[in-house]
Every structure is written in C-alpha cells, then in structure tokens.
Amino acid sequence: IARALITRPKLIVADEPVSALDVSVQAQVLNLLADLQRDFGVTY
C-alpha cells in the first residue's frame, strides 16, 4: 500500500487486497485504507 501511495495518486486500484490475509488482519488493513482515503483524498 505504501508503494502505491508513494506518488500521492488520485486513484488506487485494489485487486483483492485483503483476501490473502487472516480475518483479524483484514480488518486492520481495511481500516488503514479508510484512514488513507480520509487523509490523502485517494479514490479506490
């Protein structure tokens, strides 16, 4: 996600970004994506 965010893009295409993760980790990553949308205005 940091690699995708590094250029401060307008759009991030997230292709099944949490499907390979444990359920508890999925929630953390989804919350992170929401925080980044709020802080950087990124579109998913």
All heavy atoms as atom14 arrays in JSON, in Angstrom:
{
  "sequence": "IARALITRPKLIVADEPVSALDVSVQAQVLNLLADLQRDFGVTY",
  "atom14_mask": [
    [1, 1, 1, 1, 1, 1, 1, 1, 0, 0, 0, 0, 0, 0],
    [1, 1, 1, 1, 1, 0, 0, 0, 0, 0, 0, 0, 0, 0],
    [1, 1, 1, 1, 1, 1, 1, 1, 1, 1, 1, 0, 0, 0],
    [1, 1, 1, 1, 1, 0, 0, 0, 0, 0, 0, 0, 0, 0],
    [1, 1, 1, 1, 1, 1, 1, 1, 0, 0, 0, 0, 0, 0],
    [1, 1, 1, 1, 1, 1, 1, 1, 0, 0, 0, 0, 0, 0],
    [1, 1, 1, 1, 1, 1, 1, 0, 0, 0, 0, 0, 0, 0],
    [1, 1, 1, 1, 1, 1, 1, 1, 1, 1, 1, 0, 0, 0],
    [1, 1, 1, 1, 1, 1, 1, 0, 0, 0, 0, 0, 0, 0],
    [1, 1, 1, 1, 1, 1, 1, 1, 1, 0, 0, 0, 0, 0],
    [1, 1, 1, 1, 1, 1, 1, 1, 0, 0, 0, 0, 0, 0],
    [1, 1, 1, 1, 1, 1, 1, 1, 0, 0, 0, 0, 0, 0],
    [1, 1, 1, 1, 1, 1, 1, 0, 0, 0, 0, 0, 0, 0],
    [1, 1, 1, 1, 1, 0, 0, 0, 0, 0, 0, 0, 0, 0],
    [1, 1, 1, 1, 1, 1, 1, 1, 0, 0, 0, 0, 0, 0],
    [1, 1, 1, 1, 1, 1, 1, 1, 1, 0, 0, 0, 0, 0],
    [1, 1, 1, 1, 1, 1, 1, 0, 0, 0, 0, 0, 0, 0],
    [1, 1, 1, 1, 1, 1, 1, 0, 0, 0, 0, 0, 0, 0],
    [1, 1, 1, 1, 1, 1, 0, 0, 0, 0, 0, 0, 0, 0],
    [1, 1, 1, 1, 1, 0, 0, 0, 0, 0, 0, 0, 0, 0],
    [1, 1, 1, 1, 1, 1, 1, 1, 0, 0, 0, 0, 0, 0],
    [1, 1, 1, 1, 1, 1, 1, 1, 0, 0, 0, 0, 0, 0],
    [1, 1, 1, 1, 1, 1, 1, 0, 0, 0, 0, 0, 0, 0],
    [1, 1, 1, 1, 1, 1, 0, 0, 0, 0, 0, 0, 0, 0],
    [1, 1, 1, 1, 1, 1, 1, 0, 0, 0, 0, 0, 0, 0],
    [1, 1, 1, 1, 1, 1, 1, 1, 1, 0, 0, 0, 0, 0],
    [1, 1, 1, 1, 1, 0, 0, 0, 0, 0, 0, 0, 0, 0],
    [1, 1, 1, 1, 1, 1, 1, 1, 1, 0, 0, 0, 0, 0],
    [1, 1, 1, 1, 1, 1, 1, 0, 0, 0, 0, 0, 0, 0],
    [1, 1, 1, 1, 1, 1, 1, 1, 0, 0, 0, 0, 0, 0],
    [1, 1, 1, 1, 1, 1, 1, 1, 0, 0, 0, 0, 0, 0],
    [1, 1, 1, 1, 1, 1, 1, 1, 0, 0, 0, 0, 0, 0],
    [1, 1, 1, 1, 1, 1, 1, 1, 0, 0, 0, 0, 0, 0],
    [1, 1, 1, 1, 1, 0, 0, 0, 0, 0, 0, 0, 0, 0],
    [1, 1, 1, 1, 1, 1, 1, 1, 0, 0, 0, 0, 0, 0],
    [1, 1, 1, 1, 1, 1, 1, 1, 0, 0, 0, 0, 0, 0],
    [1, 1, 1, 1, 1, 1, 1, 1, 1, 0, 0, 0, 0, 0],
    [1, 1, 1, 1, 1, 1, 1, 1, 1, 1, 1, 0, 0, 0],
    [1, 1, 1, 1, 1, 1, 1, 1, 0, 0, 0, 0, 0, 0],
    [1, 1, 1, 1, 1, 1, 1, 1, 1, 1, 1, 0, 0, 0],
    [1, 1, 1, 1, 0, 0, 0, 0, 0, 0, 0, 0, 0, 0],
    [1, 1, 1, 1, 1, 1, 1, 0, 0, 0, 0, 0, 0, 0],
    [1, 1, 1, 1, 1, 1, 1, 0, 0, 0, 0, 0, 0, 0],
    [1, 1, 1, 1, 1, 1, 1, 1, 1, 1, 1, 1, 0, 0]
  ],
  "atom14_positions": [
    [[0.84, -1.2, 0.0], [0.0, 0.0, 0.0], [0.88, 1.25, 0.0], [0.59, 2.24, -0.69], [-0.95, -0.01, 1.2], [-1.97, -1.15, 1.05], [-1.67, 1.32, 1.35], [-2.8, -1.41, 2.3], [0.0, 0.0, 0.0], [0.0, 0.0, 0.0], [0.0, 0.0, 0.0], [0.0, 0.0, 0.0], [0.0, 0.0, 0.0], [0.0, 0.0, 0.0]],
    [[1.97, 1.22, 0.77], [2.89, 2.36, 0.78], [3.48, 2.59, -0.61], [3.63, 3.74, -1.06], [4.01, 2.11, 1.78], [0.0, 0.0, 0.0], [0.0, 0.0, 0.0], [0.0, 0.0, 0.0], [0.0, 0.0, 0.0], [0.0, 0.0, 0.0], [0.0, 0.0, 0.0], [0.0, 0.0, 0.0], [0.0, 0.0, 0.0], [0.0, 0.0, 0.0]],
    [[3.82, 1.5, -1.3], [4.35, 1.63, -2.67], [3.33, 2.3, -3.59], [3.69, 3.12, -4.44], [4.73, 0.26, -3.21], [5.24, 0.27, -4.63], [5.7, -1.11, -5.08], [4.62, -2.1, -4.97], [4.81, -3.4, -5.17], [6.01, -3.86, -5.45], [3.79, -4.24, -5.05], [0.0, 0.0, 0.0], [0.0, 0.0, 0.0], [0.0, 0.0, 0.0]],
    [[2.05, 1.96, -3.42], [1.01, 2.58, -4.24], [0.78, 4.03, -3.86], [0.44, 4.86, -4.7], [-0.29, 1.79, -4.11], [0.0, 0.0, 0.0], [0.0, 0.0, 0.0], [0.0, 0.0, 0.0], [0.0, 0.0, 0.0], [0.0, 0.0, 0.0], [0.0, 0.0, 0.0], [0.0, 0.0, 0.0], [0.0, 0.0, 0.0], [0.0, 0.0, 0.0]],
    [[0.98, 4.34, -2.59], [0.68, 5.68, -2.08], [1.83, 6.67, -2.31], [1.62, 7.87, -2.23], [0.37, 5.58, -0.59], [-0.12, 6.82, 0.15], [-1.51, 7.24, -0.36], [-0.17, 6.56, 1.66], [0.0, 0.0, 0.0], [0.0, 0.0, 0.0], [0.0, 0.0, 0.0], [0.0, 0.0, 0.0], [0.0, 0.0, 0.0], [0.0, 0.0, 0.0]],
    [[3.03, 6.18, -2.59], [4.23, 6.99, -2.58], [4.16, 8.18, -3.54], [4.71, 9.25, -3.29], [5.47, 6.12, -2.88], [6.77, 6.89, -2.64], [5.43, 5.59, -4.31], [7.09, 7.08, -1.19], [0.0, 0.0, 0.0], [0.0, 0.0, 0.0], [0.0, 0.0, 0.0], [0.0, 0.0, 0.0], [0.0, 0.0, 0.0], [0.0, 0.0, 0.0]],
    [[3.45, 8.03, -4.67], [3.35, 9.12, -5.64], [2.2, 10.07, -5.34], [1.96, 11.01, -6.09], [3.18, 8.57, -7.06], [1.96, 7.83, -7.13], [4.34, 7.68, -7.47], [0.0, 0.0, 0.0], [0.0, 0.0, 0.0], [0.0, 0.0, 0.0], [0.0, 0.0, 0.0], [0.0, 0.0, 0.0], [0.0, 0.0, 0.0], [0.0, 0.0, 0.0]],
    [[1.48, 9.79, -4.25], [0.27, 10.55, -3.89], [-0.74, 10.5, -5.05], [-1.16, 11.53, -5.58], [0.6, 12.0, -3.53], [1.6, 12.13, -2.38], [1.07, 11.5, -1.1], [1.98, 11.64, 0.03], [2.86, 10.71, 0.42], [2.92, 9.54, -0.23], [3.65, 10.92, 1.43], [0.0, 0.0, 0.0], [0.0, 0.0, 0.0], [0.0, 0.0, 0.0]],
    [[-1.13, 9.3, -5.45], [-2.01, 9.15, -6.61], [-3.43, 9.61, -6.33], [-3.86, 9.67, -5.18], [-1.98, 7.65, -6.87], [-1.79, 7.06, -5.51], [-0.85, 8.0, -4.8], [0.0, 0.0, 0.0], [0.0, 0.0, 0.0], [0.0, 0.0, 0.0], [0.0, 0.0, 0.0], [0.0, 0.0, 0.0], [0.0, 0.0, 0.0], [0.0, 0.0, 0.0]],
    [[-4.13, 9.9, -7.4], [-5.56, 10.22, -7.29], [-6.39, 8.94, -7.19], [-7.46, 8.94, -6.56], [-6.02, 11.02, -8.51], [-5.21, 12.27, -8.79], [-5.27, 13.25, -7.63], [-4.5, 14.53, -7.99], [-4.46, 15.47, -6.83], [0.0, 0.0, 0.0], [0.0, 0.0, 0.0], [0.0, 0.0, 0.0], [0.0, 0.0, 0.0], [0.0, 0.0, 0.0]],
    [[-5.92, 7.85, -7.83], [-6.67, 6.6, -7.89], [-5.76, 5.44, -7.52], [-4.62, 5.35, -8.0], [-7.21, 6.37, -9.31], [-7.88, 5.02, -9.58], [-9.2, 4.91, -8.83], [-8.1, 4.82, -11.08], [0.0, 0.0, 0.0], [0.0, 0.0, 0.0], [0.0, 0.0, 0.0], [0.0, 0.0, 0.0], [0.0, 0.0, 0.0], [0.0, 0.0, 0.0]],
    [[-6.26, 4.55, -6.66], [-5.59, 3.29, -6.37], [-6.54, 2.15, -6.74], [-7.67, 2.11, -6.27], [-5.18, 3.17, -4.89], [-4.03, 4.16, -4.58], [-4.75, 1.74, -4.56], [-3.57, 4.1, -3.13], [0.0, 0.0, 0.0], [0.0, 0.0, 0.0], [0.0, 0.0, 0.0], [0.0, 0.0, 0.0], [0.0, 0.0, 0.0], [0.0, 0.0, 0.0]],
    [[-6.07, 1.27, -7.61], [-6.83, 0.07, -7.95], [-6.39, -1.03, -6.99], [-5.21, -1.42, -6.97], [-6.57, -0.36, -9.41], [-7.3, -1.66, -9.72], [-7.01, 0.74, -10.37], [0.0, 0.0, 0.0], [0.0, 0.0, 0.0], [0.0, 0.0, 0.0], [0.0, 0.0, 0.0], [0.0, 0.0, 0.0], [0.0, 0.0, 0.0], [0.0, 0.0, 0.0]],
    [[-7.3, -1.5, -6.16], [-7.0, -2.52, -5.16], [-7.66, -3.82, -5.6], [-8.88, -3.96, -5.54], [-7.52, -2.08, -3.79], [0.0, 0.0, 0.0], [0.0, 0.0, 0.0], [0.0, 0.0, 0.0], [0.0, 0.0, 0.0], [0.0, 0.0, 0.0], [0.0, 0.0, 0.0], [0.0, 0.0, 0.0], [0.0, 0.0, 0.0], [0.0, 0.0, 0.0]],
    [[-6.84, -4.78, -6.05], [-7.35, -6.04, -6.59], [-7.28, -7.11, -5.5], [-6.21, -7.65, -5.22], [-6.52, -6.46, -7.8], [-7.13, -7.65, -8.53], [-8.21, -8.12, -8.12], [-6.52, -8.1, -9.52], [0.0, 0.0, 0.0], [0.0, 0.0, 0.0], [0.0, 0.0, 0.0], [0.0, 0.0, 0.0], [0.0, 0.0, 0.0], [0.0, 0.0, 0.0]],
    [[-8.41, -7.39, -4.86], [-8.49, -8.37, -3.77], [-7.41, -8.11, -2.72], [-6.63, -9.01, -2.37], [-8.34, -9.8, -4.32], [-9.38, -10.2, -5.35], [-10.67, -10.7, -4.72], [-10.81, -10.59, -3.49], [-11.53, -11.21, -5.46], [0.0, 0.0, 0.0], [0.0, 0.0, 0.0], [0.0, 0.0, 0.0], [0.0, 0.0, 0.0], [0.0, 0.0, 0.0]],
    [[-7.33, -6.9, -2.17], [-6.17, -6.54, -1.34], [-6.12, -7.22, 0.02], [-5.07, -7.17, 0.69], [-6.32, -5.02, -1.19], [-7.79, -4.79, -1.28], [-8.27, -5.78, -2.3], [0.0, 0.0, 0.0], [0.0, 0.0, 0.0], [0.0, 0.0, 0.0], [0.0, 0.0, 0.0], [0.0, 0.0, 0.0], [0.0, 0.0, 0.0], [0.0, 0.0, 0.0]],
    [[-7.22, -7.84, 0.47], [-7.19, -8.46, 1.8], [-7.54, -9.94, 1.77], [-7.57, -10.6, 2.81], [-8.15, -7.73, 2.78], [-7.72, -6.29, 2.97], [-9.59, -7.81, 2.31], [0.0, 0.0, 0.0], [0.0, 0.0, 0.0], [0.0, 0.0, 0.0], [0.0, 0.0, 0.0], [0.0, 0.0, 0.0], [0.0, 0.0, 0.0], [0.0, 0.0, 0.0]],
    [[-7.8, -10.51, 0.61], [-8.28, -11.88, 0.53], [-7.24, -12.9, 0.99], [-7.59, -14.01, 1.41], [-8.75, -12.21, -0.89], [-7.66, -12.14, -1.8], [0.0, 0.0, 0.0], [0.0, 0.0, 0.0], [0.0, 0.0, 0.0], [0.0, 0.0, 0.0], [0.0, 0.0, 0.0], [0.0, 0.0, 0.0], [0.0, 0.0, 0.0], [0.0, 0.0, 0.0]],
    [[-5.95, -12.56, 0.92], [-4.9, -13.49, 1.32], [-4.51, -13.34, 2.79], [-3.59, -14.02, 3.25], [-3.66, -13.29, 0.44], [0.0, 0.0, 0.0], [0.0, 0.0, 0.0], [0.0, 0.0, 0.0], [0.0, 0.0, 0.0], [0.0, 0.0, 0.0], [0.0, 0.0, 0.0], [0.0, 0.0, 0.0], [0.0, 0.0, 0.0], [0.0, 0.0, 0.0]],
    [[-5.21, -12.49, 3.53], [-4.85, -12.2, 4.9], [-5.82, -12.84, 5.88], [-6.98, -13.13, 5.55], [-4.85, -10.68, 5.13], [-3.97, -9.85, 4.18], [-4.14, -8.37, 4.48], [-2.51, -10.26, 4.29], [0.0, 0.0, 0.0], [0.0, 0.0, 0.0], [0.0, 0.0, 0.0], [0.0, 0.0, 0.0], [0.0, 0.0, 0.0], [0.0, 0.0, 0.0]],
    [[-5.35, -13.07, 7.11], [-6.23, -13.55, 8.17], [-7.33, -12.53, 8.42], [-7.16, -11.33, 8.19], [-5.44, -13.78, 9.46], [-4.45, -14.92, 9.33], [-4.64, -15.77, 8.43], [-3.47, -14.95, 10.1], [0.0, 0.0, 0.0], [0.0, 0.0, 0.0], [0.0, 0.0, 0.0], [0.0, 0.0, 0.0], [0.0, 0.0, 0.0], [0.0, 0.0, 0.0]],
    [[-8.46, -13.01, 8.95], [-9.62, -12.14, 9.14], [-9.29, -10.96, 10.04], [-9.68, -9.82, 9.76], [-10.81, -12.94, 9.72], [-11.96, -12.01, 10.06], [-11.26, -14.0, 8.72], [0.0, 0.0, 0.0], [0.0, 0.0, 0.0], [0.0, 0.0, 0.0], [0.0, 0.0, 0.0], [0.0, 0.0, 0.0], [0.0, 0.0, 0.0], [0.0, 0.0, 0.0]],
    [[-8.56, -11.19, 11.13], [-8.24, -10.1, 12.05], [-7.35, -9.07, 11.38], [-7.48, -7.85, 11.63], [-7.55, -10.66, 13.3], [-6.35, -11.34, 12.94], [0.0, 0.0, 0.0], [0.0, 0.0, 0.0], [0.0, 0.0, 0.0], [0.0, 0.0, 0.0], [0.0, 0.0, 0.0], [0.0, 0.0, 0.0], [0.0, 0.0, 0.0], [0.0, 0.0, 0.0]],
    [[-6.44, -9.52, 10.51], [-5.55, -8.61, 9.8], [-6.31, -7.87, 8.7], [-6.03, -6.71, 8.4], [-4.35, -9.37, 9.22], [-3.41, -8.44, 8.46], [-3.59, -10.09, 10.34], [0.0, 0.0, 0.0], [0.0, 0.0, 0.0], [0.0, 0.0, 0.0], [0.0, 0.0, 0.0], [0.0, 0.0, 0.0], [0.0, 0.0, 0.0], [0.0, 0.0, 0.0]],
    [[-7.29, -8.55, 8.09], [-8.12, -7.9, 7.08], [-8.73, -6.62, 7.62], [-8.72, -5.57, 6.95], [-9.23, -8.84, 6.61], [-8.78, -9.97, 5.71], [-9.96, -10.79, 5.21], [-11.1, -10.38, 5.3], [-9.67, -11.96, 4.66], [0.0, 0.0, 0.0], [0.0, 0.0, 0.0], [0.0, 0.0, 0.0], [0.0, 0.0, 0.0], [0.0, 0.0, 0.0]],
    [[-9.29, -6.69, 8.82], [-9.94, -5.52, 9.42], [-8.95, -4.38, 9.59], [-9.28, -3.21, 9.33], [-10.57, -5.9, 10.75], [0.0, 0.0, 0.0], [0.0, 0.0, 0.0], [0.0, 0.0, 0.0], [0.0, 0.0, 0.0], [0.0, 0.0, 0.0], [0.0, 0.0, 0.0], [0.0, 0.0, 0.0], [0.0, 0.0, 0.0], [0.0, 0.0, 0.0]],
    [[-7.73, -4.69, 9.99], [-6.71, -3.66, 10.18], [-6.37, -2.98, 8.86], [-6.25, -1.75, 8.79], [-5.46, -4.27, 10.8], [-5.65, -4.84, 12.19], [-4.43, -5.61, 12.68], [-3.35, -5.51, 12.11], [-4.61, -6.4, 13.72], [0.0, 0.0, 0.0], [0.0, 0.0, 0.0], [0.0, 0.0, 0.0], [0.0, 0.0, 0.0], [0.0, 0.0, 0.0]],
    [[-6.22, -3.78, 7.81], [-5.86, -3.22, 6.51], [-7.01, -2.4, 5.93], [-6.79, -1.32, 5.35], [-5.44, -4.35, 5.54], [-5.24, -3.8, 4.13], [-4.16, -5.02, 6.03], [0.0, 0.0, 0.0], [0.0, 0.0, 0.0], [0.0, 0.0, 0.0], [0.0, 0.0, 0.0], [0.0, 0.0, 0.0], [0.0, 0.0, 0.0], [0.0, 0.0, 0.0]],
    [[-8.23, -2.87, 6.11], [-9.39, -2.11, 5.63], [-9.51, -0.78, 6.35], [-9.81, 0.25, 5.74], [-10.66, -2.93, 5.8], [-10.79, -4.16, 4.9], [-12.03, -4.96, 5.28], [-10.83, -3.78, 3.43], [0.0, 0.0, 0.0], [0.0, 0.0, 0.0], [0.0, 0.0, 0.0], [0.0, 0.0, 0.0], [0.0, 0.0, 0.0], [0.0, 0.0, 0.0]],
    [[-9.26, -0.78, 7.65], [-9.29, 0.47, 8.41], [-8.18, 1.41, 7.94], [-8.38, 2.63, 7.86], [-9.15, 0.19, 9.9], [-10.4, -0.44, 10.49], [-11.49, -0.27, 9.97], [-10.24, -1.18, 11.57], [0.0, 0.0, 0.0], [0.0, 0.0, 0.0], [0.0, 0.0, 0.0], [0.0, 0.0, 0.0], [0.0, 0.0, 0.0], [0.0, 0.0, 0.0]],
    [[-7.02, 0.83, 7.62], [-5.93, 1.65, 7.1], [-6.32, 2.3, 5.78], [-6.08, 3.5, 5.57], [-4.68, 0.77, 6.9], [-3.53, 1.43, 6.14], [-2.99, 2.62, 6.9], [-2.42, 0.4, 5.86], [0.0, 0.0, 0.0], [0.0, 0.0, 0.0], [0.0, 0.0, 0.0], [0.0, 0.0, 0.0], [0.0, 0.0, 0.0], [0.0, 0.0, 0.0]],
    [[-6.93, 1.55, 4.87], [-7.35, 2.11, 3.59], [-8.34, 3.25, 3.79], [-8.27, 4.28, 3.1], [-7.97, 1.01, 2.72], [-7.02, -0.07, 2.22], [-7.8, -1.18, 1.51], [-5.96, 0.52, 1.3], [0.0, 0.0, 0.0], [0.0, 0.0, 0.0], [0.0, 0.0, 0.0], [0.0, 0.0, 0.0], [0.0, 0.0, 0.0], [0.0, 0.0, 0.0]],
    [[-9.24, 3.09, 4.76], [-10.2, 4.16, 5.05], [-9.49, 5.4, 5.59], [-9.82, 6.54, 5.23], [-11.25, 3.66, 6.05], [0.0, 0.0, 0.0], [0.0, 0.0, 0.0], [0.0, 0.0, 0.0], [0.0, 0.0, 0.0], [0.0, 0.0, 0.0], [0.0, 0.0, 0.0], [0.0, 0.0, 0.0], [0.0, 0.0, 0.0], [0.0, 0.0, 0.0]],
    [[-8.51, 5.19, 6.46], [-7.75, 6.32, 7.02], [-6.99, 7.06, 5.92], [-6.93, 8.3, 5.91], [-6.78, 5.83, 8.08], [-7.47, 5.33, 9.34], [-8.67, 5.67, 9.54], [-6.83, 4.6, 10.12], [0.0, 0.0, 0.0], [0.0, 0.0, 0.0], [0.0, 0.0, 0.0], [0.0, 0.0, 0.0], [0.0, 0.0, 0.0], [0.0, 0.0, 0.0]],
    [[-6.39, 6.31, 5.01], [-5.63, 6.94, 3.93], [-6.54, 7.71, 2.99], [-6.16, 8.78, 2.48], [-4.85, 5.87, 3.15], [-3.77, 5.12, 3.93], [-3.14, 4.03, 3.07], [-2.69, 6.09, 4.42], [0.0, 0.0, 0.0], [0.0, 0.0, 0.0], [0.0, 0.0, 0.0], [0.0, 0.0, 0.0], [0.0, 0.0, 0.0], [0.0, 0.0, 0.0]],
    [[-7.74, 7.21, 2.77], [-8.69, 7.94, 1.95], [-9.06, 9.27, 2.6], [-9.14, 10.3, 1.94], [-9.94, 7.1, 1.72], [-10.94, 7.73, 0.76], [-12.04, 6.77, 0.38], [-12.78, 6.3, 1.25], [-12.17, 6.46, -0.89], [0.0, 0.0, 0.0], [0.0, 0.0, 0.0], [0.0, 0.0, 0.0], [0.0, 0.0, 0.0], [0.0, 0.0, 0.0]],
    [[-9.25, 9.23, 3.9], [-9.56, 10.46, 4.65], [-8.39, 11.43, 4.63], [-8.57, 12.64, 4.41], [-9.91, 10.09, 6.08], [-10.24, 11.28, 6.99], [-10.18, 10.86, 8.44], [-8.82, 10.46, 8.79], [-8.54, 9.53, 9.69], [-9.49, 8.85, 10.31], [-7.27, 9.23, 9.97], [0.0, 0.0, 0.0], [0.0, 0.0, 0.0], [0.0, 0.0, 0.0]],
    [[-7.17, 10.94, 4.84], [-6.01, 11.81, 4.99], [-5.45, 12.3, 3.67], [-4.92, 13.42, 3.59], [-4.91, 11.08, 5.77], [-5.32, 10.74, 7.2], [-6.26, 11.38, 7.71], [-4.7, 9.83, 7.79], [0.0, 0.0, 0.0], [0.0, 0.0, 0.0], [0.0, 0.0, 0.0], [0.0, 0.0, 0.0], [0.0, 0.0, 0.0], [0.0, 0.0, 0.0]],
    [[-5.54, 11.47, 2.62], [-4.9, 11.81, 1.34], [-5.9, 12.05, 0.22], [-5.5, 12.42, -0.89], [-3.92, 10.71, 0.92], [-2.73, 10.58, 1.83], [-2.74, 9.7, 2.9], [-1.6, 11.35, 1.62], [-1.65, 9.57, 3.74], [-0.49, 11.24, 2.45], [-0.52, 10.35, 3.53], [0.0, 0.0, 0.0], [0.0, 0.0, 0.0], [0.0, 0.0, 0.0]],
    [[-7.19, 11.81, 0.49], [-8.2, 12.04, -0.54], [-8.14, 11.07, -1.7], [-8.62, 11.36, -2.79], [0.0, 0.0, 0.0], [0.0, 0.0, 0.0], [0.0, 0.0, 0.0], [0.0, 0.0, 0.0], [0.0, 0.0, 0.0], [0.0, 0.0, 0.0], [0.0, 0.0, 0.0], [0.0, 0.0, 0.0], [0.0, 0.0, 0.0], [0.0, 0.0, 0.0]],
    [[-7.55, 9.89, -1.46], [-7.37, 8.92, -2.55], [-8.71, 8.28, -2.91], [-9.6, 8.11, -2.07], [-6.34, 7.85, -2.15], [-6.84, 7.01, -1.0], [-5.98, 6.96, -3.33], [0.0, 0.0, 0.0], [0.0, 0.0, 0.0], [0.0, 0.0, 0.0], [0.0, 0.0, 0.0], [0.0, 0.0, 0.0], [0.0, 0.0, 0.0], [0.0, 0.0, 0.0]],
    [[-8.87, 7.94, -4.16], [-10.04, 7.25, -4.68], [-9.67, 5.79, -4.9], [-8.59, 5.49, -5.4], [-10.48, 7.88, -6.01], [-10.76, 9.26, -5.8], [-11.72, 7.18, -6.56], [0.0, 0.0, 0.0], [0.0, 0.0, 0.0], [0.0, 0.0, 0.0], [0.0, 0.0, 0.0], [0.0, 0.0, 0.0], [0.0, 0.0, 0.0], [0.0, 0.0, 0.0]],
    [[-10.57, 4.87, -4.54], [-10.3, 3.45, -4.71], [-11.23, 2.83, -5.74], [-12.44, 3.08, -5.73], [-10.5, 2.68, -3.4], [-9.53, 3.03, -2.29], [-9.99, 3.54, -1.08], [-8.16, 2.84, -2.45], [-9.12, 3.86, -0.06], [-7.28, 3.16, -1.43], [-7.76, 3.66, -0.24], [-6.89, 3.99, 0.76], [0.0, 0.0, 0.0], [0.0, 0.0, 0.0]]
  ]
}
